[in-house]
C-alpha cells in the first residue's frame, strides 16, 4: 500500500530516523483516511489535496 500510493521505494530519505518517521507518517495518513471511510486511499489523498490547509485538519478533528 505505501509503495504504490506514496512511492516509498523511490524516497530519497535514507539516513537516521528519517525513513522510520516517514513510514509512521504514511501509516497515519492511510489509517486516518480509512477511519474517515475512504475506500480508496489514492482517491482519499486526491480529495484531501483539494483543500490542503483545512481538509486534513478536519479529518483529524483539529479544526
C-alpha atoms as a PDB file:
ATOM      1  CA  UNK A   1       0.000   0.000   0.000  1.00  0.00           C
ATOM      2  CA  UNK A   2       2.656   2.543   0.994  1.00  0.00           C
ATOM      3  CA  UNK A   3       4.841   1.773  -2.003  1.00  0.00           C
ATOM      4  CA  UNK A   4       2.123   2.015  -4.630  1.00  0.00           C
ATOM      5  CA  UNK A   5       0.373   5.070  -3.209  1.00  0.00           C
ATOM      6  CA  UNK A   6       3.317   7.015  -1.774  1.00  0.00           C
ATOM      7  CA  UNK A   7       6.138   5.544  -3.964  1.00  0.00           C
ATOM      8  CA  UNK A   8       8.047   4.738  -0.814  1.00  0.00           C
ATOM      9  CA  UNK A   9      10.785   2.782  -2.622  1.00  0.00           C
ATOM     10  CA  UNK A  10      11.741   5.896  -4.607  1.00  0.00           C
ATOM     11  CA  UNK A  11      12.165   8.005  -1.468  1.00  0.00           C
ATOM     12  CA  UNK A  12      15.492   9.806  -1.060  1.00  0.00           C
ATOM     13  CA  UNK A  13      15.201   9.780   2.725  1.00  0.00           C
ATOM     14  CA  UNK A  14      17.721   7.150   3.767  1.00  0.00           C
ATOM     15  CA  UNK A  15      19.654   8.269   6.871  1.00  0.00           C
ATOM     16  CA  UNK A  16      18.988   8.367  10.589  1.00  0.00           C
ATOM     17  CA  UNK A  17      15.416   8.042  11.742  1.00  0.00           C
ATOM     18  CA  UNK A  18      14.043   9.691   8.600  1.00  0.00           C
ATOM     19  CA  UNK A  19      12.772   6.504   6.914  1.00  0.00           C
ATOM     20  CA  UNK A  20      11.072   5.296  10.105  1.00  0.00           C
ATOM     21  CA  UNK A  21       9.475   8.691  10.712  1.00  0.00           C
ATOM     22  CA  UNK A  22       8.178   8.920   7.152  1.00  0.00           C
ATOM     23  CA  UNK A  23       6.765   5.380   7.345  1.00  0.00           C
ATOM     24  CA  UNK A  24       4.961   6.384  10.540  1.00  0.00           C
ATOM     25  CA  UNK A  25       3.503   9.492   8.886  1.00  0.00           C
ATOM     26  CA  UNK A  26       2.412   7.482   5.840  1.00  0.00           C
ATOM     27  CA  UNK A  27       0.730   4.923   8.094  1.00  0.00           C
ATOM     28  CA  UNK A  28      -1.006   7.756   9.944  1.00  0.00           C
ATOM     29  CA  UNK A  29      -2.327   9.134   6.648  1.00  0.00           C
ATOM     30  CA  UNK A  30      -3.553   5.711   5.499  1.00  0.00           C
ATOM     31  CA  UNK A  31      -5.268   4.900   8.793  1.00  0.00           C
ATOM     32  CA  UNK A  32      -6.839   8.355   9.064  1.00  0.00           C
ATOM     33  CA  UNK A  33      -8.320   8.041   5.587  1.00  0.00           C
ATOM     34  CA  UNK A  34      -9.597   4.547   6.372  1.00  0.00           C
ATOM     35  CA  UNK A  35     -11.206   5.798   9.596  1.00  0.00           C
ATOM     36  CA  UNK A  36     -12.854   8.589   7.593  1.00  0.00           C
ATOM     37  CA  UNK A  37     -14.479   5.968   5.362  1.00  0.00           C
ATOM     38  CA  UNK A  38     -12.357   6.256   2.236  1.00  0.00           C
ATOM     39  CA  UNK A  39     -12.429   3.007   0.314  1.00  0.00           C
ATOM     40  CA  UNK A  40      -9.586   4.069  -1.969  1.00  0.00           C
ATOM     41  CA  UNK A  41      -6.555   5.635  -0.312  1.00  0.00           C
ATOM     42  CA  UNK A  42      -5.415   7.243  -3.583  1.00  0.00           C
ATOM     43  CA  UNK A  43      -8.847   8.809  -4.097  1.00  0.00           C
ATOM     44  CA  UNK A  44      -8.882   9.968  -0.476  1.00  0.00           C
ATOM     45  CA  UNK A  45      -5.479  11.627  -0.883  1.00  0.00           C
ATOM     46  CA  UNK A  46      -6.680  13.419  -4.010  1.00  0.00           C
ATOM     47  CA  UNK A  47      -9.802  14.641  -2.209  1.00  0.00           C
ATOM     48  CA  UNK A  48      -7.803  15.907   0.770  1.00  0.00           C
ATOM     49  CA  UNK A  49      -5.341  17.671  -1.523  1.00  0.00           C
ATOM     50  CA  UNK A  50      -8.101  19.851  -2.996  1.00  0.00           C
ATOM     51  CA  UNK A  51      -8.166  21.914   0.214  1.00  0.00           C
ATOM     52  CA  UNK A  52      -4.779  21.136   1.770  1.00  0.00           C
ATOM     53  CA  UNK A  53      -4.948  23.746   4.533  1.00  0.00           C
ATOM     54  CA  UNK A  54      -8.263  22.692   6.059  1.00  0.00           C
ATOM     55  CA  UNK A  55      -9.355  19.218   4.983  1.00  0.00           C
ATOM     56  CA  UNK A  56      -6.565  17.174   6.656  1.00  0.00           C
ATOM     57  CA  UNK A  57      -7.202  19.022   9.918  1.00  0.00           C
ATOM     58  CA  UNK A  58     -10.923  18.270   9.604  1.00  0.00           C
ATOM     59  CA  UNK A  59     -10.160  14.549   9.280  1.00  0.00           C
ATOM     60  CA  UNK A  60      -8.070  14.662  12.440  1.00  0.00           C
ATOM     61  CA  UNK A  61     -10.680  16.730  14.279  1.00  0.00           C
ATOM     62  CA  UNK A  62      -8.297  19.639  14.793  1.00  0.00           C
ATOM     63  CA  UNK A  63     -10.118  22.443  13.032  1.00  0.00           C
END
